[in-house]
Amino acid sequence: MKIIDGKKIADQILDGLKNEIDRKNLQPCLAAVLVGDDPASHLYLRKKEGAAQKVGIEIRKHSLPAQTSEKEVLDLINSLNQDDRIDGILVQLPLPSQLTADKIIQAIEPVKDVDGFVKESRFESPFILAIWQALVATGQKLNNKKIIALVNSDIFGRALKLYLKGLKVDYLLGFENKFLTDLKEADVLISALGRPALIKGEMIKEGTILIDGGISRVDNKVVGDVDRKDIQGKAGWLTPAPGGLGPLTVAFLLKNVILASQLNL
């Protein structure tokens, strides 16, 4: 089984972004909104801050208490939309239960939606770009391969299928035993469910390319949807978790911030 080293590829992308910022004398700025004290959210945002600092992107972090009202968050988003110094806006998910995530995210101006979530966003989803980059890194021809994606969101599934248009892509919502027949036929399996060690060796065929986009924390460790030990002798390729799609997603997020900064010149 071959490992797709997302961190190595991401570091190359970040080096290119730093050079671009220096060469063009850019001053990109990302506003990050964090509500509550979810440990995983704080960890992910710190990783984004570290990568941003490495390339020269300023991050303005807005940390709000867990009990913050929806109106207060929307007011903050509105003020960030109006701030010419802010190039991109990131709302760290998940949000506390009293907040409607979609309503808050859709309030972001499309030209500042660097996460690619807004319906008329000017940017591709960094997560989908990370998936594509991981597939490219295998060097395999994908035209005739059957690609199955396990996703939690119909919106995300449609967006992924649209981005991979021209390829044989189907997406399935959640996971049910009846999906096992489809999984066995998949040449490429993308899983973004957040269900630790769900994908076992018996579920896939020999040589499957596994793109593990599910992130969970178990016993204070980050794990993916794929049971790495169980698929070891059967999968052809694997993006590990951590170290696979995570670093790539951060790199493409920051690339979008730089694109936004140039659109806003």
C-alpha atoms as a PDB file:
ATOM      1  CA  MET A   1       0.000   0.000   0.000  1.00  0.00           C
ATOM      2  CA  LYS A   2       1.304   3.439  -0.942  1.00  0.00           C
ATOM      3  CA  ILE A   3       0.783   6.463   1.305  1.00  0.00           C
ATOM      4  CA  ILE A   4      -0.224   9.832  -0.168  1.00  0.00           C
ATOM      5  CA  ASP A   5       1.828  12.281   1.898  1.00  0.00           C
ATOM      6  CA  GLY A   6      -0.521  15.247   2.175  1.00  0.00           C
ATOM      7  CA  LYS A   7       1.792  17.167   4.487  1.00  0.00           C
ATOM      8  CA  LYS A   8       4.693  17.012   2.033  1.00  0.00           C
ATOM      9  CA  ILE A   9       2.510  18.230  -0.848  1.00  0.00           C
ATOM     10  CA  ALA A  10       0.961  20.930   1.369  1.00  0.00           C
ATOM     11  CA  ASP A  11       4.399  22.208   2.388  1.00  0.00           C
ATOM     12  CA  GLN A  12       5.282  22.618  -1.295  1.00  0.00           C
ATOM     13  CA  ILE A  13       2.055  24.566  -1.870  1.00  0.00           C
ATOM     14  CA  LEU A  14       2.733  26.786   1.166  1.00  0.00           C
ATOM     15  CA  ASP A  15       6.258  27.539  -0.071  1.00  0.00           C
ATOM     16  CA  GLY A  16       4.758  28.652  -3.386  1.00  0.00           C
ATOM     17  CA  LEU A  17       2.211  30.854  -1.595  1.00  0.00           C
ATOM     18  CA  LYS A  18       4.917  32.515   0.476  1.00  0.00           C
ATOM     19  CA  ASN A  19       6.909  33.265  -2.670  1.00  0.00           C
ATOM     20  CA  GLU A  20       3.805  34.706  -4.337  1.00  0.00           C
ATOM     21  CA  ILE A  21       3.078  36.998  -1.380  1.00  0.00           C
ATOM     22  CA  ASP A  22       6.681  38.220  -1.331  1.00  0.00           C
ATOM     23  CA  ARG A  23       6.885  38.658  -5.099  1.00  0.00           C
ATOM     24  CA  LYS A  24       3.618  40.582  -5.395  1.00  0.00           C
ATOM     25  CA  ASN A  25       4.020  42.431  -2.093  1.00  0.00           C
ATOM     26  CA  LEU A  26       0.585  41.259  -0.921  1.00  0.00           C
ATOM     27  CA  GLN A  27      -0.842  41.711   2.575  1.00  0.00           C
ATOM     28  CA  PRO A  28      -3.615  39.096   2.787  1.00  0.00           C
ATOM     29  CA  CYS A  29      -5.815  39.039   5.874  1.00  0.00           C
ATOM     30  CA  LEU A  30      -8.173  36.276   7.051  1.00  0.00           C
ATOM     31  CA  ALA A  31     -10.819  36.755   9.738  1.00  0.00           C
ATOM     32  CA  ALA A  32     -11.488  33.580  11.726  1.00  0.00           C
ATOM     33  CA  VAL A  33     -14.660  33.293  13.809  1.00  0.00           C
ATOM     34  CA  LEU A  34     -14.612  30.723  16.600  1.00  0.00           C
ATOM     35  CA  VAL A  35     -17.641  30.222  18.849  1.00  0.00           C
ATOM     36  CA  GLY A  36     -17.366  28.138  22.016  1.00  0.00           C
ATOM     37  CA  ASP A  37     -14.590  26.034  23.454  1.00  0.00           C
ATOM     38  CA  ASP A  38     -14.670  22.817  21.433  1.00  0.00           C
ATOM     39  CA  PRO A  39     -11.093  21.445  21.794  1.00  0.00           C
ATOM     40  CA  ALA A  40     -10.955  20.067  18.240  1.00  0.00           C
ATOM     41  CA  SER A  41     -12.057  23.410  16.769  1.00  0.00           C
ATOM     42  CA  HIS A  42      -9.366  25.250  18.711  1.00  0.00           C
ATOM     43  CA  LEU A  43      -6.777  22.707  17.535  1.00  0.00           C
ATOM     44  CA  TYR A  44      -7.780  23.031  13.865  1.00  0.00           C
ATOM     45  CA  LEU A  45      -7.728  26.809  14.038  1.00  0.00           C
ATOM     46  CA  ARG A  46      -4.266  26.773  15.601  1.00  0.00           C
ATOM     47  CA  LYS A  47      -3.051  24.653  12.684  1.00  0.00           C
ATOM     48  CA  LYS A  48      -4.494  27.196  10.251  1.00  0.00           C
ATOM     49  CA  GLU A  49      -2.872  30.034  12.197  1.00  0.00           C
ATOM     50  CA  GLY A  50       0.493  28.287  12.110  1.00  0.00           C
ATOM     51  CA  ALA A  51       0.329  27.715   8.354  1.00  0.00           C
ATOM     52  CA  ALA A  52      -0.853  31.303   7.754  1.00  0.00           C
ATOM     53  CA  GLN A  53       2.034  32.692   9.782  1.00  0.00           C
ATOM     54  CA  LYS A  54       4.444  30.545   7.775  1.00  0.00           C
ATOM     55  CA  VAL A  55       3.400  32.111   4.458  1.00  0.00           C
ATOM     56  CA  GLY A  56       2.727  35.666   5.655  1.00  0.00           C
ATOM     57  CA  ILE A  57      -1.059  35.798   5.958  1.00  0.00           C
ATOM     58  CA  GLU A  58      -2.464  37.790   8.859  1.00  0.00           C
ATOM     59  CA  ILE A  59      -5.216  36.077  10.842  1.00  0.00           C
ATOM     60  CA  ARG A  60      -7.603  38.136  12.941  1.00  0.00           C
ATOM     61  CA  LYS A  61      -9.240  35.722  15.349  1.00  0.00           C
ATOM     62  CA  HIS A  62     -12.647  36.470  16.847  1.00  0.00           C
ATOM     63  CA  SER A  63     -13.304  34.105  19.763  1.00  0.00           C
ATOM     64  CA  LEU A  64     -16.851  34.235  21.099  1.00  0.00           C
ATOM     65  CA  PRO A  65     -18.329  32.458  24.158  1.00  0.00           C
ATOM     66  CA  ALA A  66     -20.453  29.333  23.606  1.00  0.00           C
ATOM     67  CA  GLN A  67     -23.656  31.144  24.641  1.00  0.00           C
ATOM     68  CA  THR A  68     -23.297  33.835  21.952  1.00  0.00           C
ATOM     69  CA  SER A  69     -26.606  34.521  20.184  1.00  0.00           C
ATOM     70  CA  GLU A  70     -27.151  34.064  16.465  1.00  0.00           C
ATOM     71  CA  LYS A  71     -27.769  37.794  16.062  1.00  0.00           C
ATOM     72  CA  GLU A  72     -24.392  38.598  17.623  1.00  0.00           C
ATOM     73  CA  VAL A  73     -22.580  36.232  15.257  1.00  0.00           C
ATOM     74  CA  LEU A  74     -24.467  37.599  12.233  1.00  0.00           C
ATOM     75  CA  ASP A  75     -23.645  41.157  13.305  1.00  0.00           C
ATOM     76  CA  LEU A  76     -19.961  40.199  13.472  1.00  0.00           C
ATOM     77  CA  ILE A  77     -20.101  38.595  10.016  1.00  0.00           C
ATOM     78  CA  ASN A  78     -21.748  41.731   8.637  1.00  0.00           C
ATOM     79  CA  SER A  79     -19.039  43.966  10.097  1.00  0.00           C
ATOM     80  CA  LEU A  80     -16.332  41.712   8.618  1.00  0.00           C
ATOM     81  CA  ASN A  81     -18.083  41.852   5.241  1.00  0.00           C
ATOM     82  CA  GLN A  82     -17.857  45.652   5.379  1.00  0.00           C
ATOM     83  CA  ASP A  83     -14.208  45.743   6.512  1.00  0.00           C
ATOM     84  CA  ASP A  84     -12.047  46.416   3.436  1.00  0.00           C
ATOM     85  CA  ARG A  85      -8.959  45.150   5.271  1.00  0.00           C
ATOM     86  CA  ILE A  86     -10.450  41.648   5.571  1.00  0.00           C
ATOM     87  CA  ASP A  87      -9.958  39.527   2.441  1.00  0.00           C
ATOM     88  CA  GLY A  88     -11.495  36.268   3.619  1.00  0.00           C
ATOM     89  CA  ILE A  89     -13.846  35.085   6.377  1.00  0.00           C
ATOM     90  CA  LEU A  90     -13.704  31.650   7.980  1.00  0.00           C
ATOM     91  CA  VAL A  91     -16.308  30.324  10.428  1.00  0.00           C
ATOM     92  CA  GLN A  92     -14.829  27.367  12.286  1.00  0.00           C
ATOM     93  CA  LEU A  93     -17.270  24.446  12.473  1.00  0.00           C
ATOM     94  CA  PRO A  94     -19.025  22.904  14.332  1.00  0.00           C
ATOM     95  CA  LEU A  95     -21.005  25.705  15.963  1.00  0.00           C
ATOM     96  CA  PRO A  96     -22.926  25.479  19.262  1.00  0.00           C
ATOM     97  CA  SER A  97     -26.425  24.001  18.931  1.00  0.00           C
ATOM     98  CA  GLN A  98     -28.298  27.304  19.276  1.00  0.00           C
ATOM     99  CA  LEU A  99     -26.672  28.597  16.081  1.00  0.00           C
ATOM    100  CA  THR A 100     -27.805  27.717  12.547  1.00  0.00           C
ATOM    101  CA  ALA A 101     -24.548  27.050  10.729  1.00  0.00           C
ATOM    102  CA  ASP A 102     -25.936  27.407   7.202  1.00  0.00           C
ATOM    103  CA  LYS A 103     -27.629  30.732   7.985  1.00  0.00           C
ATOM    104  CA  ILE A 104     -24.394  32.139   9.415  1.00  0.00           C
ATOM    105  CA  ILE A 105     -22.181  30.870   6.596  1.00  0.00           C
ATOM    106  CA  GLN A 106     -24.568  32.100   3.881  1.00  0.00           C
ATOM    107  CA  ALA A 107     -24.275  35.579   5.432  1.00  0.00           C
ATOM    108  CA  ILE A 108     -20.640  35.770   4.274  1.00  0.00           C
ATOM    109  CA  GLU A 109     -20.110  37.826   1.116  1.00  0.00           C
ATOM    110  CA  PRO A 110     -19.282  35.452  -1.797  1.00  0.00           C
ATOM    111  CA  VAL A 111     -16.089  37.384  -2.534  1.00  0.00           C
ATOM    112  CA  LYS A 112     -14.873  36.655   1.019  1.00  0.00           C
ATOM    113  CA  ASP A 113     -16.103  33.062   1.311  1.00  0.00           C
ATOM    114  CA  VAL A 114     -12.691  31.370   1.128  1.00  0.00           C
ATOM    115  CA  ASP A 115     -14.175  28.088   2.414  1.00  0.00           C
ATOM    116  CA  GLY A 116     -16.342  27.847  -0.697  1.00  0.00           C
ATOM    117  CA  PHE A 117     -19.572  27.213   1.223  1.00  0.00           C
ATOM    118  CA  VAL A 118     -21.712  30.128   0.041  1.00  0.00           C
ATOM    119  CA  LYS A 119     -23.985  29.320  -2.911  1.00  0.00           C
ATOM    120  CA  GLU A 120     -22.443  32.016  -5.132  1.00  0.00           C
ATOM    121  CA  SER A 121     -18.936  31.750  -3.721  1.00  0.00           C
ATOM    122  CA  ARG A 122     -16.047  32.945  -5.875  1.00  0.00           C
ATOM    123  CA  PHE A 123     -13.923  30.040  -4.603  1.00  0.00           C
ATOM    124  CA  GLU A 124     -13.695  26.261  -4.845  1.00  0.00           C
ATOM    125  CA  SER A 125     -13.995  24.272  -1.620  1.00  0.00           C
ATOM    126  CA  PRO A 126     -10.494  23.724  -0.135  1.00  0.00           C
ATOM    127  CA  PHE A 127     -11.600  20.259   1.002  1.00  0.00           C
ATOM    128  CA  ILE A 128     -12.659  19.259  -2.511  1.00  0.00           C
ATOM    129  CA  LEU A 129      -9.432  20.706  -3.924  1.00  0.00           C
ATOM    130  CA  ALA A 130      -7.525  18.614  -1.352  1.00  0.00           C
ATOM    131  CA  ILE A 131      -9.363  15.464  -2.461  1.00  0.00           C
ATOM    132  CA  TRP A 132      -8.516  16.178  -6.097  1.00  0.00           C
ATOM    133  CA  GLN A 133      -4.854  16.887  -5.281  1.00  0.00           C
ATOM    134  CA  ALA A 134      -4.619  13.575  -3.401  1.00  0.00           C
ATOM    135  CA  LEU A 135      -6.077  11.732  -6.396  1.00  0.00           C
ATOM    136  CA  VAL A 136      -3.620  13.460  -8.749  1.00  0.00           C
ATOM    137  CA  ALA A 137      -0.740  12.471  -6.451  1.00  0.00           C
ATOM    138  CA  THR A 138      -1.408   8.775  -7.110  1.00  0.00           C
ATOM    139  CA  GLY A 139      -0.512   9.255 -10.765  1.00  0.00           C
ATOM    140  CA  GLN A 140      -3.339   6.893 -11.695  1.00  0.00           C
ATOM    141  CA  LYS A 141      -5.611   7.449 -14.699  1.00  0.00           C
ATOM    142  CA  LEU A 142      -9.098   8.045 -13.319  1.00  0.00           C
ATOM    143  CA  ASN A 143     -11.197   8.235 -16.497  1.00  0.00           C
ATOM    144  CA  ASN A 144     -12.455   4.657 -16.342  1.00  0.00           C
ATOM    145  CA  LYS A 145     -12.412   4.181 -12.592  1.00  0.00           C
ATOM    146  CA  LYS A 146     -15.551   3.986 -10.487  1.00  0.00           C
ATOM    147  CA  ILE A 147     -15.449   6.599  -7.711  1.00  0.00           C
ATOM    148  CA  ILE A 148     -17.720   6.264  -4.677  1.00  0.00           C
ATOM    149  CA  ALA A 149     -17.955   8.973  -2.011  1.00  0.00           C
ATOM    150  CA  LEU A 150     -19.508   8.495   1.422  1.00  0.00           C
ATOM    151  CA  VAL A 151     -20.693  11.897   2.625  1.00  0.00           C
ATOM    152  CA  ASN A 152     -22.872  13.426   5.336  1.00  0.00           C
ATOM    153  CA  SER A 153     -24.267  16.221   3.189  1.00  0.00           C
ATOM    154  CA  ASP A 154     -26.189  16.128  -0.067  1.00  0.00           C
ATOM    155  CA  ILE A 155     -24.890  19.644  -0.810  1.00  0.00           C
ATOM    156  CA  PHE A 156     -21.287  18.493  -0.419  1.00  0.00           C
ATOM    157  CA  GLY A 157     -21.941  15.358  -2.464  1.00  0.00           C
ATOM    158  CA  ARG A 158     -23.341  17.389  -5.359  1.00  0.00           C
ATOM    159  CA  ALA A 159     -20.441  19.856  -5.168  1.00  0.00           C
ATOM    160  CA  LEU A 160     -17.899  17.024  -5.239  1.00  0.00           C
ATOM    161  CA  LYS A 161     -19.616  15.356  -8.176  1.00  0.00           C
ATOM    162  CA  LEU A 162     -19.745  18.664 -10.064  1.00  0.00           C
ATOM    163  CA  TYR A 163     -16.031  19.299  -9.499  1.00  0.00           C
ATOM    164  CA  LEU A 164     -15.161  15.779 -10.678  1.00  0.00           C
ATOM    165  CA  LYS A 165     -17.420  16.014 -13.713  1.00  0.00           C
ATOM    166  CA  GLY A 166     -16.267  13.816 -16.545  1.00  0.00           C
ATOM    167  CA  LEU A 167     -15.395  11.021 -14.114  1.00  0.00           C
ATOM    168  CA  LYS A 168     -17.628   8.172 -12.916  1.00  0.00           C
ATOM    169  CA  VAL A 169     -18.650   9.541  -9.518  1.00  0.00           C
ATOM    170  CA  ASP A 170     -21.511   8.517  -7.236  1.00  0.00           C
ATOM    171  CA  TYR A 171     -22.061   9.671  -3.676  1.00  0.00           C
ATOM    172  CA  LEU A 172     -23.927   7.947  -0.862  1.00  0.00           C
ATOM    173  CA  LEU A 173     -25.348   9.717   2.168  1.00  0.00           C
ATOM    174  CA  GLY A 174     -24.082   8.326   5.467  1.00  0.00           C
ATOM    175  CA  PHE A 175     -23.387   4.612   5.733  1.00  0.00           C
ATOM    176  CA  GLU A 176     -25.728   1.637   5.523  1.00  0.00           C
ATOM    177  CA  ASN A 177     -25.025  -2.078   5.076  1.00  0.00           C
ATOM    178  CA  LYS A 178     -26.754  -1.999   1.687  1.00  0.00           C
ATOM    179  CA  PHE A 179     -23.923   0.246   0.458  1.00  0.00           C
ATOM    180  CA  LEU A 180     -21.393  -2.607   0.838  1.00  0.00           C
ATOM    181  CA  THR A 181     -22.035  -3.853  -2.710  1.00  0.00           C
ATOM    182  CA  ASP A 182     -21.193  -0.407  -4.100  1.00  0.00           C
ATOM    183  CA  LEU A 183     -18.049  -0.157  -1.976  1.00  0.00           C
ATOM    184  CA  LYS A 184     -16.814  -3.519  -3.281  1.00  0.00           C
ATOM    185  CA  GLU A 185     -17.083  -2.212  -6.846  1.00  0.00           C
ATOM    186  CA  ALA A 186     -15.285   1.085  -6.149  1.00  0.00           C
ATOM    187  CA  ASP A 187     -11.866   1.698  -7.657  1.00  0.00           C
ATOM    188  CA  VAL A 188     -11.684   4.891  -5.600  1.00  0.00           C
ATOM    189  CA  LEU A 189     -13.411   5.295  -2.244  1.00  0.00           C
ATOM    190  CA  ILE A 190     -13.698   8.753  -0.688  1.00  0.00           C
ATOM    191  CA  SER A 191     -15.015   8.773   2.875  1.00  0.00           C
ATOM    192  CA  ALA A 192     -15.929  11.992   4.701  1.00  0.00           C
ATOM    193  CA  LEU A 193     -18.224  10.758   7.451  1.00  0.00           C
ATOM    194  CA  GLY A 194     -16.276  11.327  10.669  1.00  0.00           C
ATOM    195  CA  ARG A 195     -16.875   7.719  11.796  1.00  0.00           C
ATOM    196  CA  PRO A 196     -13.618   6.321  13.189  1.00  0.00           C
ATOM    197  CA  ALA A 197     -12.193   3.136  11.627  1.00  0.00           C
ATOM    198  CA  LEU A 198     -15.452   2.446   9.741  1.00  0.00           C
ATOM    199  CA  ILE A 199     -13.852   1.233   6.510  1.00  0.00           C
ATOM    200  CA  LYS A 200     -12.440  -2.299   6.858  1.00  0.00           C
ATOM    201  CA  GLY A 201     -10.438  -4.431   4.444  1.00  0.00           C
ATOM    202  CA  GLU A 202     -13.384  -6.732   3.774  1.00  0.00           C
ATOM    203  CA  MET A 203     -15.408  -3.794   2.421  1.00  0.00           C
ATOM    204  CA  ILE A 204     -13.050  -2.924  -0.436  1.00  0.00           C
ATOM    205  CA  LYS A 205     -11.562  -4.662  -3.420  1.00  0.00           C
ATOM    206  CA  GLU A 206      -7.874  -5.234  -4.026  1.00  0.00           C
ATOM    207  CA  GLY A 207      -5.937  -2.099  -4.958  1.00  0.00           C
ATOM    208  CA  THR A 208      -8.615   0.458  -4.033  1.00  0.00           C
ATOM    209  CA  ILE A 209      -7.517   4.080  -3.742  1.00  0.00           C
ATOM    210  CA  LEU A 210      -8.747   5.252  -0.320  1.00  0.00           C
ATOM    211  CA  ILE A 211      -9.175   8.989   0.267  1.00  0.00           C
ATOM    212  CA  ASP A 212      -9.830   9.344   3.991  1.00  0.00           C
ATOM    213  CA  GLY A 213     -11.503  12.672   4.716  1.00  0.00           C
ATOM    214  CA  GLY A 214     -13.142  11.700   8.004  1.00  0.00           C
ATOM    215  CA  ILE A 215     -11.676  13.271  11.106  1.00  0.00           C
ATOM    216  CA  SER A 216     -12.566  12.166  14.637  1.00  0.00           C
ATOM    217  CA  ARG A 217     -10.868  12.325  18.016  1.00  0.00           C
ATOM    218  CA  VAL A 218     -10.593   9.034  19.904  1.00  0.00           C
ATOM    219  CA  ASP A 219      -8.672   8.875  23.187  1.00  0.00           C
ATOM    220  CA  ASN A 220      -7.274  12.326  22.392  1.00  0.00           C
ATOM    221  CA  LYS A 221      -5.903  11.135  19.043  1.00  0.00           C
ATOM    222  CA  VAL A 222      -6.976  12.177  15.541  1.00  0.00           C
ATOM    223  CA  VAL A 223      -8.236   9.204  13.531  1.00  0.00           C
ATOM    224  CA  GLY A 224      -9.912   8.812  10.167  1.00  0.00           C
ATOM    225  CA  ASP A 225     -12.792   6.790   8.723  1.00  0.00           C
ATOM    226  CA  VAL A 226     -10.402   4.105   7.457  1.00  0.00           C
ATOM    227  CA  ASP A 227      -9.105   1.330   9.711  1.00  0.00           C
ATOM    228  CA  ARG A 228      -5.526   1.616   8.523  1.00  0.00           C
ATOM    229  CA  LYS A 229      -4.312  -1.654  10.008  1.00  0.00           C
ATOM    230  CA  ASP A 230      -7.217  -3.631   8.604  1.00  0.00           C
ATOM    231  CA  ILE A 231      -6.858  -2.366   5.021  1.00  0.00           C
ATOM    232  CA  GLN A 232      -3.049  -2.519   5.049  1.00  0.00           C
ATOM    233  CA  GLY A 233      -2.667  -5.527   2.767  1.00  0.00           C
ATOM    234  CA  LYS A 234      -5.562  -4.737   0.459  1.00  0.00           C
ATOM    235  CA  ALA A 235      -5.689  -1.028  -0.434  1.00  0.00           C
ATOM    236  CA  GLY A 236      -3.514   0.334  -3.204  1.00  0.00           C
ATOM    237  CA  TRP A 237      -3.281   3.919  -1.932  1.00  0.00           C
ATOM    238  CA  LEU A 238      -4.258   5.749   1.254  1.00  0.00           C
ATOM    239  CA  THR A 239      -4.369   9.320   2.483  1.00  0.00           C
ATOM    240  CA  PRO A 240      -3.543   8.894   6.189  1.00  0.00           C
ATOM    241  CA  ALA A 241      -5.343  10.677   9.005  1.00  0.00           C
ATOM    242  CA  PRO A 242      -3.683  12.735  10.274  1.00  0.00           C
ATOM    243  CA  GLY A 243      -1.221  13.897   7.628  1.00  0.00           C
ATOM    244  CA  GLY A 244      -3.362  13.428   4.527  1.00  0.00           C
ATOM    245  CA  LEU A 245      -6.236  15.696   3.503  1.00  0.00           C
ATOM    246  CA  GLY A 246      -5.964  17.961   6.581  1.00  0.00           C
ATOM    247  CA  PRO A 247      -2.738  19.784   5.624  1.00  0.00           C
ATOM    248  CA  LEU A 248      -3.853  19.969   1.995  1.00  0.00           C
ATOM    249  CA  THR A 249      -7.190  21.524   2.947  1.00  0.00           C
ATOM    250  CA  VAL A 250      -5.427  24.196   5.024  1.00  0.00           C
ATOM    251  CA  ALA A 251      -3.024  24.945   2.147  1.00  0.00           C
ATOM    252  CA  PHE A 252      -5.871  25.404  -0.348  1.00  0.00           C
ATOM    253  CA  LEU A 253      -7.797  27.553   2.151  1.00  0.00           C
ATOM    254  CA  LEU A 254      -4.813  29.908   2.367  1.00  0.00           C
ATOM    255  CA  LYS A 255      -4.452  29.860  -1.413  1.00  0.00           C
ATOM    256  CA  ASN A 256      -8.057  31.091  -1.594  1.00  0.00           C
ATOM    257  CA  VAL A 257      -7.223  33.896   0.862  1.00  0.00           C
ATOM    258  CA  ILE A 258      -4.423  35.046  -1.435  1.00  0.00           C
ATOM    259  CA  LEU A 259      -6.767  34.908  -4.438  1.00  0.00           C
ATOM    260  CA  ALA A 260      -9.312  36.940  -2.453  1.00  0.00           C
ATOM    261  CA  SER A 261      -6.699  39.544  -1.565  1.00  0.00           C
ATOM    262  CA  GLN A 262      -5.978  40.072  -5.252  1.00  0.00           C
ATOM    263  CA  LEU A 263      -9.675  40.258  -6.149  1.00  0.00           C
ATOM    264  CA  ASN A 264     -10.065  42.947  -3.493  1.00  0.00           C
ATOM    265  CA  LEU A 265      -7.194  45.128  -4.736  1.00  0.00           C
END
